[in-house]
């Protein structure tokens, strides 16, 4: 073979090799698209699972993410044709994420990437909402305040009658402004209890993604004090109060007999367990216009040991016995804490201490109780007694007509505050007498 022929053959071989290389390069650079991407939120609500279809002859995949739908960043590269899933961690709540995946083929020291296919969107709902306070200090209105979520698009507040947390017949009120962290619910029934919960949400087009409901809170709607036509605000008045009842003897009924005879009223701070056992006694108190008070369920806890449940359970027992919730509270032993005040505020109950203590529990003597009142009483007093002692009942028989004779009007605690201050008593606030507040008694 001639030298010229050898050169021609060599050139043809080189051309063939180059053509093959070019053909392979062209094939490697034309990577198929990933055409199916699925994203789902994991159970921890902080991770997103991303899955996609495999692409033949690729060497791996690139993953891209965006929170504004336009600017994407590469978050990961995974190797292997059959590696078709990835966990995106540390996802933020109340956020919208877009993802797309590209196939990658490495060849000749270079990396070739497929074209981008349509991104997939996943929305992370807001975290569980937290209610800061639920109060009612206006007739027919409940005020709700919550911790805001700047990433949320709005909030839903649900409310239902009753304090058992049954939301099956709840009504919904929406707040579309995410900058708001409070609202008022109006048109409610004065004196009735309501259950409240709320949640945050984000929107994506016509779709809504709701966060978890907050814990349910309950509150009683404010009920304005209506002074009876028999009350003269310009004349002296006092509030007789009785703790620990109803009694398991005749003392409670004997006291009610006296009040009925002289058209007088009083406030009774009752133990829930006792109230549960004496529904007739409670109903009679209501009929006579007396005020029902809460003195915890079993009077076994004092001060810091008193729980919200001790108070709530007593309120429920009183309601179950007579169909009316208590509108006043007295701490066992007079030891009042912030926990007690918070629960009273939630149940729309003012607290009442006393300005005159008869110490009837100590002396168990009718004359002592009578003299303790008659020698020390003054306008605006809140007088402490107990309805469980026959000696106290005997003292009341003498005391009531004499007090009336001296010009005192015998009213309930809420009537006393309303008449003397011109304003209804505030829930969660402890009154010592008609005009004195002390929230830190021990």
Protein backbone atom coordinates (compact mmCIF):
# COMPACT_ATOMS: atom_id res chain seq x y z
CA UNK A 1 0.00 0.00 0.00
CA UNK A 2 1.33 3.30 -1.01
CA UNK A 3 2.14 6.03 1.46
CA UNK A 4 -0.55 8.22 -0.06
CA UNK A 5 -3.17 5.56 0.42
CA UNK A 6 -2.17 5.10 4.08
CA UNK A 7 -2.62 8.81 4.68
CA UNK A 8 -6.06 8.76 3.08
CA UNK A 9 -7.14 5.81 5.21
CA UNK A 10 -5.86 7.49 8.39
CA UNK A 11 -7.75 10.65 7.58
CA UNK A 12 -10.93 8.69 7.00
CA UNK A 13 -10.51 6.90 10.33
CA UNK A 14 -10.05 10.19 12.15
CA UNK A 15 -13.12 11.60 10.43
CA UNK A 16 -15.12 8.54 11.42
CA UNK A 17 -14.02 8.73 15.03
CA UNK A 18 -14.82 12.43 15.18
CA UNK A 19 -18.21 11.82 13.64
CA UNK A 20 -18.92 9.13 16.22
CA UNK A 21 -17.77 11.34 19.04
CA UNK A 22 -19.86 14.22 17.74
CA UNK A 23 -22.89 11.95 17.41
CA UNK A 24 -22.45 10.70 20.98
CA UNK A 25 -21.86 14.26 22.24
CA UNK A 26 -25.03 15.40 20.53
CA UNK A 27 -26.95 12.50 22.05
CA UNK A 28 -25.55 13.08 25.56
CA UNK A 29 -26.33 16.78 25.42
CA UNK A 30 -29.96 16.11 24.55
CA UNK A 31 -31.18 14.91 27.98
CA UNK A 32 -34.83 13.91 28.36
CA UNK A 33 -37.01 15.97 30.69
CA UNK A 34 -38.37 14.91 34.04
CA UNK A 35 -42.09 15.08 33.32
CA UNK A 36 -43.71 13.97 36.57
CA UNK A 37 -42.96 15.53 39.95
CA UNK A 38 -45.02 14.96 43.10
CA UNK A 39 -44.54 16.81 46.40
CA UNK A 40 -46.17 16.07 49.75
CA UNK A 41 -45.84 17.40 53.29
CA UNK A 42 -44.43 14.90 55.75
CA UNK A 43 -46.13 14.16 59.07
CA UNK A 44 -43.82 16.49 60.96
CA UNK A 45 -45.13 19.43 58.86
CA UNK A 46 -41.54 20.63 58.56
CA UNK A 47 -40.38 18.42 55.68
CA UNK A 48 -41.51 18.01 52.08
CA UNK A 49 -41.15 14.73 50.20
CA UNK A 50 -40.37 15.19 46.49
CA UNK A 51 -40.66 12.29 44.01
CA UNK A 52 -40.26 12.16 40.23
CA UNK A 53 -40.09 9.78 37.28
CA UNK A 54 -36.74 8.26 36.30
CA UNK A 55 -35.01 9.27 33.07
CA UNK A 56 -33.08 6.59 31.16
CA UNK A 57 -29.35 6.96 30.75
CA UNK A 58 -29.09 9.99 33.04
CA UNK A 59 -26.49 10.12 35.77
CA UNK A 60 -28.50 12.10 38.32
CA UNK A 61 -30.91 14.95 38.95
CA UNK A 62 -30.91 18.59 40.03
CA UNK A 63 -33.65 19.96 42.29
CA UNK A 64 -34.75 23.59 42.33
CA UNK A 65 -36.97 25.49 44.79
CA UNK A 66 -38.69 28.88 44.93
CA UNK A 67 -40.97 30.66 47.40
CA UNK A 68 -42.06 33.38 45.00
CA UNK A 69 -42.71 31.29 41.90
CA UNK A 70 -40.16 33.11 39.73
CA UNK A 71 -36.70 33.01 41.28
CA UNK A 72 -35.49 29.43 41.73
CA UNK A 73 -32.40 28.19 43.50
CA UNK A 74 -30.77 24.79 43.22
CA UNK A 75 -31.20 22.98 46.52
CA UNK A 76 -29.67 19.59 45.74
CA UNK A 77 -28.03 17.28 43.21
CA UNK A 78 -28.66 13.55 43.57
CA UNK A 79 -26.68 10.86 41.76
CA UNK A 80 -28.05 7.82 39.99
CA UNK A 81 -30.70 7.20 37.39
CA UNK A 82 -32.88 5.34 39.90
CA UNK A 83 -32.60 7.90 42.71
CA UNK A 84 -36.03 9.50 42.29
CA UNK A 85 -36.88 10.99 45.69
CA UNK A 86 -35.62 13.69 48.01
CA UNK A 87 -36.61 15.13 51.40
CA UNK A 88 -36.58 18.91 51.63
CA UNK A 89 -36.19 19.74 55.32
CA UNK A 90 -36.75 22.81 57.51
CA UNK A 91 -39.78 23.94 55.56
CA UNK A 92 -41.50 26.99 57.00
CA UNK A 93 -45.14 26.99 58.02
CA UNK A 94 -47.60 29.23 56.17
CA UNK A 95 -45.37 29.14 53.09
CA UNK A 96 -45.85 28.26 49.40
CA UNK A 97 -43.07 26.28 47.71
CA UNK A 98 -42.49 25.56 44.00
CA UNK A 99 -40.20 22.72 42.90
CA UNK A 100 -38.93 21.37 39.62
CA UNK A 101 -36.46 18.60 38.80
CA UNK A 102 -34.07 18.29 35.86
CA UNK A 103 -32.23 15.20 34.65
CA UNK A 104 -28.44 15.37 34.37
CA UNK A 105 -26.02 13.38 32.19
CA UNK A 106 -22.27 13.71 32.60
CA UNK A 107 -20.14 13.10 29.52
CA UNK A 108 -16.69 14.08 28.32
CA UNK A 109 -16.08 15.87 31.61
CA UNK A 110 -19.14 18.00 31.16
CA UNK A 111 -22.61 17.96 32.71
CA UNK A 112 -25.66 18.20 30.49
CA UNK A 113 -29.02 19.17 31.98
CA UNK A 114 -32.54 18.64 30.64
CA UNK A 115 -34.94 21.46 30.06
CA UNK A 116 -37.11 22.57 32.94
CA UNK A 117 -40.59 21.07 33.14
CA UNK A 118 -43.56 22.81 34.81
CA UNK A 119 -42.92 23.28 38.56
CA UNK A 120 -45.10 21.62 41.19
CA UNK A 121 -46.47 23.68 44.10
CA UNK A 122 -46.92 22.60 47.70
CA UNK A 123 -48.40 24.76 50.47
CA UNK A 124 -47.47 24.35 54.13
CA UNK A 125 -50.41 25.34 56.39
CA UNK A 126 -49.80 27.76 59.29
CA UNK A 127 -48.83 26.34 62.65
CA UNK A 128 -51.44 25.76 65.34
CA UNK A 129 -52.96 29.05 66.41
CA UNK A 130 -52.69 30.27 70.00
CA UNK A 131 -55.39 32.30 71.72
CA UNK A 132 -53.97 34.83 74.17
CA UNK A 133 -57.23 35.89 75.80
CA UNK A 134 -61.00 35.58 75.54
CA UNK A 135 -62.92 38.21 77.50
CA UNK A 136 -66.40 39.63 77.71
CA UNK A 137 -66.78 43.04 79.30
CA UNK A 138 -69.59 44.39 77.13
CA UNK A 139 -73.15 43.21 76.78
CA UNK A 140 -73.49 40.61 74.02
CA UNK A 141 -69.82 40.83 73.01
CA UNK A 142 -66.78 38.55 73.33
CA UNK A 143 -63.31 39.93 72.58
CA UNK A 144 -60.74 37.44 71.26
CA UNK A 145 -57.00 38.11 71.06
CA UNK A 146 -54.41 35.77 69.54
CA UNK A 147 -50.74 35.49 68.62
CA UNK A 148 -50.35 36.72 65.05
CA UNK A 149 -48.71 34.90 62.13
CA UNK A 150 -47.13 37.31 59.65
CA UNK A 151 -47.07 34.64 56.92
CA UNK A 152 -50.77 33.83 57.23
CA UNK A 153 -53.32 35.35 54.88
CA UNK A 154 -56.05 35.51 57.51
CA UNK A 155 -57.81 33.86 60.43
CA UNK A 156 -61.02 32.03 61.23
CA UNK A 157 -62.70 32.27 64.63
CA UNK A 158 -65.37 29.76 65.61
CA UNK A 159 -67.80 30.10 68.49
CA UNK A 160 -70.51 27.83 69.83
CA UNK A 161 -72.99 28.03 72.68
CA UNK A 162 -72.06 26.12 75.81
CA UNK A 163 -68.81 25.60 77.67
CA UNK A 164 -68.33 21.90 76.93
CA UNK A 165 -66.22 22.45 73.82
CA UNK A 166 -68.79 21.02 71.41
CA UNK A 167 -68.11 22.83 68.12
CA UNK A 168 -70.47 20.78 65.94
CA UNK A 169 -72.89 23.71 65.58
CA UNK A 170 -70.24 26.43 65.66
CA UNK A 171 -70.50 29.66 63.71
CA UNK A 172 -67.46 31.09 61.93
CA UNK A 173 -66.17 34.65 61.74
CA UNK A 174 -63.30 35.44 59.36
CA UNK A 175 -60.56 38.05 59.64
CA UNK A 176 -58.98 38.58 56.21
CA UNK A 177 -56.33 41.03 57.42
CA UNK A 178 -53.29 39.11 58.67
CA UNK A 179 -52.02 42.16 60.57
CA UNK A 180 -54.96 41.98 62.97
CA UNK A 181 -54.56 39.93 66.12
CA UNK A 182 -57.93 40.55 67.75
CA UNK A 183 -61.61 40.77 66.94
CA UNK A 184 -64.99 41.06 68.61
CA UNK A 185 -67.89 38.64 68.26
CA UNK A 186 -71.21 40.35 68.86
CA UNK A 187 -74.88 39.46 68.94
CA UNK A 188 -74.37 36.93 71.74
CA UNK A 189 -76.65 36.09 74.65
CA UNK A 190 -75.85 37.92 77.87
CA UNK A 191 -74.88 35.60 80.70
CA UNK A 192 -74.49 32.53 78.47
CA UNK A 193 -71.28 30.54 78.12
CA UNK A 194 -69.53 30.08 74.78
CA UNK A 195 -66.69 27.90 73.49
CA UNK A 196 -64.12 29.64 71.26
CA UNK A 197 -61.36 28.41 68.95
CA UNK A 198 -59.45 29.88 66.00
CA UNK A 199 -56.97 29.02 63.26
CA UNK A 200 -54.80 30.74 60.65
CA UNK A 201 -54.89 30.03 56.93
CA UNK A 202 -53.07 30.75 53.68
CA UNK A 203 -54.62 30.98 50.21
CA UNK A 204 -53.32 29.84 46.85
CA UNK A 205 -55.71 30.89 44.13
CA UNK A 206 -59.07 29.41 45.07
CA UNK A 207 -57.53 26.90 47.46
CA UNK A 208 -57.33 27.48 51.20
CA UNK A 209 -54.86 25.74 53.51
CA UNK A 210 -55.88 25.81 57.16
CA UNK A 211 -53.63 25.48 60.15
CA UNK A 212 -54.63 23.42 63.18
CA UNK A 213 -57.36 24.75 65.47
CA UNK A 214 -56.22 26.34 68.69
CA UNK A 215 -57.13 24.85 72.03
CA UNK A 216 -60.74 25.63 72.92
CA UNK A 217 -61.35 28.35 75.48
CA UNK A 218 -64.62 29.17 77.19
CA UNK A 219 -66.09 32.43 78.43
CA UNK A 220 -69.37 33.76 79.76
CA UNK A 221 -70.87 36.78 78.08
CA UNK A 222 -71.05 39.90 80.21
CA UNK A 223 -74.45 40.54 81.73
CA UNK A 224 -75.22 44.07 82.80
CA UNK A 225 -76.30 44.56 86.39
CA UNK A 226 -79.82 45.89 86.54
CA UNK A 227 -80.54 47.54 89.84
CA UNK A 228 -83.94 46.78 91.22
CA UNK A 229 -86.44 49.59 91.51
CA UNK A 230 -86.32 49.08 95.28
CA UNK A 231 -82.67 50.20 95.49
CA UNK A 232 -81.96 53.83 96.34
CA UNK A 233 -78.35 54.61 95.42
CA UNK A 234 -78.35 57.62 97.76
CA UNK A 235 -79.08 55.55 100.86
CA UNK A 236 -76.74 53.24 102.82
CA UNK A 237 -76.43 49.64 101.69
CA UNK A 238 -74.39 46.56 102.54
CA UNK A 239 -73.90 43.08 101.13
CA UNK A 240 -74.43 40.09 103.41
CA UNK A 241 -72.40 37.14 102.11
CA UNK A 242 -72.46 33.50 103.14
CA UNK A 243 -69.77 30.89 102.41
CA UNK A 244 -69.52 27.08 102.31
CA UNK A 245 -73.16 26.19 101.63
CA UNK A 246 -75.65 24.93 101.06
CA UNK A 247 -75.56 23.24 104.44
CA UNK A 248 -76.73 19.74 105.23
CA UNK A 249 -78.91 21.07 108.05
CA UNK A 250 -81.72 23.61 108.21
CA UNK A 251 -79.44 26.66 108.57
CA UNK A 252 -79.42 27.52 104.85
CA UNK A 253 -83.19 27.44 104.54
CA UNK A 254 -83.61 29.34 107.81
CA UNK A 255 -81.46 32.17 106.41
CA UNK A 256 -83.49 32.22 103.19
CA UNK A 257 -86.70 32.40 105.24
CA UNK A 258 -85.44 35.60 106.88
CA UNK A 259 -84.38 37.15 103.58
CA UNK A 260 -87.73 36.35 102.02
CA UNK A 261 -89.66 37.75 105.00
CA UNK A 262 -87.90 41.12 104.82
CA UNK A 263 -87.50 41.29 101.02
CA UNK A 264 -83.72 41.31 101.41
CA UNK A 265 -81.03 39.79 99.20
CA UNK A 266 -77.58 38.29 99.80
CA UNK A 267 -74.71 36.63 97.94
CA UNK A 268 -73.98 32.96 98.58
CA UNK A 269 -70.50 31.60 97.82
CA UNK A 270 -71.23 27.91 97.49
CA UNK A 271 -69.14 24.77 97.39
CA UNK A 272 -69.84 22.96 94.13
CA UNK A 273 -70.30 19.55 95.72
CA UNK A 274 -72.85 20.96 98.18
CA UNK A 275 -74.68 22.81 95.41
CA UNK A 276 -74.89 19.60 93.43
CA UNK A 277 -76.66 17.94 96.37
CA UNK A 278 -79.13 20.79 97.02
CA UNK A 279 -80.75 21.93 93.75
CA UNK A 280 -83.96 23.09 95.49
CA UNK A 281 -81.97 25.39 97.74
CA UNK A 282 -80.22 26.99 94.76
CA UNK A 283 -83.44 27.46 92.83
CA UNK A 284 -84.97 29.19 95.84
CA UNK A 285 -82.00 31.55 96.05
CA UNK A 286 -82.51 32.46 92.40
CA UNK A 287 -86.24 33.05 92.98
CA UNK A 288 -85.46 35.40 95.87
CA UNK A 289 -83.08 37.47 93.71
CA UNK A 290 -79.97 36.38 95.58
CA UNK A 291 -76.60 36.18 93.86
CA UNK A 292 -74.95 32.81 93.28
CA UNK A 293 -71.24 32.67 94.03
CA UNK A 294 -68.52 30.08 93.43
CA UNK A 295 -66.35 28.85 96.32
CA UNK A 296 -64.55 26.02 94.42
CA UNK A 297 -65.86 22.50 94.04
CA UNK A 298 -64.88 20.88 97.32
CA UNK A 299 -63.04 23.58 99.34
CA UNK A 300 -59.95 21.38 99.80
CA UNK A 301 -57.44 23.64 98.03
CA UNK A 302 -56.22 27.05 99.14
CA UNK A 303 -54.15 29.78 97.51
CA UNK A 304 -51.66 28.47 94.94
CA UNK A 305 -53.14 24.98 95.16
CA UNK A 306 -56.48 26.15 93.72
CA UNK A 307 -56.66 25.09 90.07
CA UNK A 308 -58.76 26.35 87.21
CA UNK A 309 -60.55 23.01 87.32
CA UNK A 310 -61.53 23.58 90.98
CA UNK A 311 -63.35 26.73 89.89
CA UNK A 312 -64.76 25.50 86.58
CA UNK A 313 -66.08 22.30 88.11
CA UNK A 314 -67.94 24.30 90.77
CA UNK A 315 -69.47 26.61 88.16
CA UNK A 316 -70.70 23.60 86.21
CA UNK A 317 -72.18 22.02 89.34
CA UNK A 318 -74.06 25.22 90.19
CA UNK A 319 -75.38 25.51 86.64
CA UNK A 320 -76.47 21.87 86.58
CA UNK A 321 -78.32 22.34 89.87
CA UNK A 322 -80.34 25.43 88.95
CA UNK A 323 -79.73 26.40 85.31
CA UNK A 324 -77.78 29.55 86.20
CA UNK A 325 -74.04 30.14 86.33
CA UNK A 326 -72.45 31.89 89.32
CA UNK A 327 -71.66 35.57 88.85
CA UNK A 328 -69.24 35.93 91.76
CA UNK A 329 -66.28 34.13 93.31
CA UNK A 330 -64.62 34.01 96.70
CA UNK A 331 -61.29 32.30 97.26
CA UNK A 332 -61.24 29.66 100.01
CA UNK A 333 -59.71 31.35 103.02
CA UNK A 334 -59.55 34.55 101.00
CA UNK A 335 -56.22 33.49 99.45
CA UNK A 336 -56.31 34.88 95.90
CA UNK A 337 -53.74 34.15 93.17
CA UNK A 338 -53.26 35.18 89.56
CA UNK A 339 -54.42 31.73 88.43
CA UNK A 340 -57.67 32.23 90.31
CA UNK A 341 -58.16 35.70 88.86
CA UNK A 342 -57.45 34.50 85.32
CA UNK A 343 -60.08 31.78 85.54
CA UNK A 344 -62.59 34.18 87.08
CA UNK A 345 -61.93 36.60 84.24
CA UNK A 346 -62.54 33.81 81.71
CA UNK A 347 -65.79 32.91 83.48
CA UNK A 348 -66.76 36.57 83.79
CA UNK A 349 -66.83 36.53 87.59
CA UNK A 350 -65.68 39.36 89.86
CA UNK A 351 -64.09 38.27 93.13
CA UNK A 352 -65.20 39.43 96.58
CA UNK A 353 -63.17 39.54 99.75
CA UNK A 354 -64.78 41.18 102.81
CA UNK A 355 -64.53 44.30 104.93
CA UNK A 356 -66.25 42.87 108.03
CA UNK A 357 -65.50 39.35 109.30
CA UNK A 358 -67.95 38.00 111.89
CA UNK A 359 -65.74 34.97 112.65
CA UNK A 360 -68.93 32.97 113.01
CA UNK A 361 -66.96 29.81 112.14
CA UNK A 362 -64.79 30.33 115.22
CA UNK A 363 -67.27 31.33 117.92
CA UNK A 364 -70.46 29.54 116.79
CA UNK A 365 -72.43 31.97 118.94
CA UNK A 366 -75.45 33.93 117.68
CA UNK A 367 -74.90 36.90 119.99
CA UNK A 368 -71.26 37.20 118.96
CA UNK A 369 -72.18 37.22 115.26
CA UNK A 370 -74.96 39.74 115.82
CA UNK A 371 -72.75 42.11 117.80
CA UNK A 372 -69.84 41.78 115.35
CA UNK A 373 -72.11 43.17 112.66
CA UNK A 374 -74.20 45.70 114.54
CA UNK A 375 -71.25 47.31 116.35
CA UNK A 376 -69.02 47.60 113.28
CA UNK A 377 -71.18 47.86 110.18
CA UNK A 378 -70.87 50.84 107.86
CA UNK A 379 -72.15 51.84 104.45
CA UNK A 380 -70.62 49.81 101.60
CA UNK A 381 -69.49 46.87 103.74
CA UNK A 382 -69.19 43.31 102.45
CA UNK A 383 -69.91 41.12 105.48
CA UNK A 384 -68.55 37.57 105.79
CA UNK A 385 -70.63 34.79 107.33
CA UNK A 386 -71.31 31.10 106.65
CA UNK A 387 -74.68 29.58 105.84
CA UNK A 388 -73.89 26.20 107.39
CA UNK A 389 -74.13 27.14 111.08
CA UNK A 390 -77.45 27.23 112.97
CA UNK A 391 -75.97 29.90 115.24
CA UNK A 392 -75.39 32.12 112.22
CA UNK A 393 -78.97 31.58 111.09
CA UNK A 394 -80.15 32.62 114.56
CA UNK A 395 -78.02 35.77 114.37
CA UNK A 396 -79.45 36.61 110.94
CA UNK A 397 -82.99 36.46 112.35
CA UNK A 398 -82.11 39.30 114.74
CA UNK A 399 -79.68 41.13 112.50
CA UNK A 400 -81.69 41.64 109.31
CA UNK A 401 -84.68 43.53 110.76
CA UNK A 402 -82.36 45.69 112.87
CA UNK A 403 -80.16 46.58 109.89
CA UNK A 404 -83.23 47.54 107.89
CA UNK A 405 -84.50 49.59 110.84
CA UNK A 406 -81.20 51.51 110.84
CA UNK A 407 -81.67 52.36 107.18
CA UNK A 408 -79.44 49.81 105.48
CA UNK A 409 -80.49 48.24 102.20
CA UNK A 410 -79.46 44.57 101.97
CA UNK A 411 -78.26 43.92 98.42
CA UNK A 412 -76.06 41.50 96.49
CA UNK A 413 -72.36 42.13 95.91
CA UNK A 414 -72.83 43.06 92.26
CA UNK A 415 -75.68 45.41 93.15
CA UNK A 416 -73.50 47.03 95.81
CA UNK A 417 -70.64 47.75 93.38
CA UNK A 418 -72.98 48.96 90.64
CA UNK A 419 -74.90 51.25 92.99
CA UNK A 420 -71.84 52.74 94.69
CA UNK A 421 -69.54 53.17 91.68
CA UNK A 422 -72.02 53.56 88.84
CA UNK A 423 -70.29 50.74 86.97
CA UNK A 424 -70.67 46.98 86.89
CA UNK A 425 -68.02 45.01 88.82
CA UNK A 426 -65.12 43.85 86.64
CA UNK A 427 -64.46 40.16 86.11
CA UNK A 428 -61.15 38.98 87.55
CA UNK A 429 -61.07 41.94 89.96
CA UNK A 430 -61.39 41.45 93.73
CA UNK A 431 -63.48 43.88 95.76
CA UNK A 432 -63.05 44.30 99.50
CA UNK A 433 -65.99 46.66 99.90
CA UNK A 434 -68.10 48.84 97.62
CA UNK A 435 -65.17 50.93 96.41
CA UNK A 436 -61.95 49.19 97.47
CA UNK A 437 -60.05 46.74 95.25
CA UNK A 438 -57.33 44.40 96.51
CA UNK A 439 -56.17 41.64 94.17
CA UNK A 440 -53.43 40.22 96.39
CA UNK A 441 -55.09 38.92 99.54
CA UNK A 442 -53.54 36.03 101.46
